[in-house]
Amino acid sequence: MSTSTPNSASDPAATRDRGIQVRWATADDVDFLVAGNVAMAAETEDKPLAEDVVRRGVTAALHDPHKGRYLMAEHDGDVVGQLMLTLEWSDWRNGWFWWIQSVYVPPSARRRGVYRALDTFVQQAALADDDVCGVRLYVEQDNTRAQQTYRSLGMHPTDYLLFERMASTPTRHN
């Protein structure tokens, strides 16, 4: 892939782990993705999100893989988790970082290997793509359970802090 946009070409045979199937999201998944993003922001950051803004953002990504690609985890035909991948070009490494974002597993499906299955899919797809130099994510500082999960899967904290300045308009962004 010339732009290393994660897609079905890098699909490592629809990963199955502990009976969990991982697949690329479709437009049929928009309601779960919106609800998951809203729930995740409320739970991890106590941040209310405007559902209409999130719906437009999810829909935009589903229609343009350069904005992001969602993965869905299923167990016995029920969706039990989500994850979004976005891209960052690294001139230092001449390769793409895939950023894991918008991870959500409903409380009823947690501690059953859902995130592990999603992560396995991402790692296999990244390793299969010569243009990918790494996988990154950011995590809320106080979310120690998530940090423990990421460490157990071979990720480690970096030396970087995240800074931001929001450029926001009320009709487009939260």
Foldseek 3Di string as FASTA:
>chain_A
DVQPLDDCVLFPPQFADLQKGKDWDAPVCLVVLLVLLQVCCCVAPVDGDDSVLSSVLVVVCNVPSQSWIKMFIDHPRHTFWMWIWHWDQDPVVQAIEIEIDSTGGPPVCPPSCRVVRVVVRVVSSQVVDPRYPYYYYDGDPPPVVVVVVCVVVPDDDDPDDDDDDDDDDVVNGD
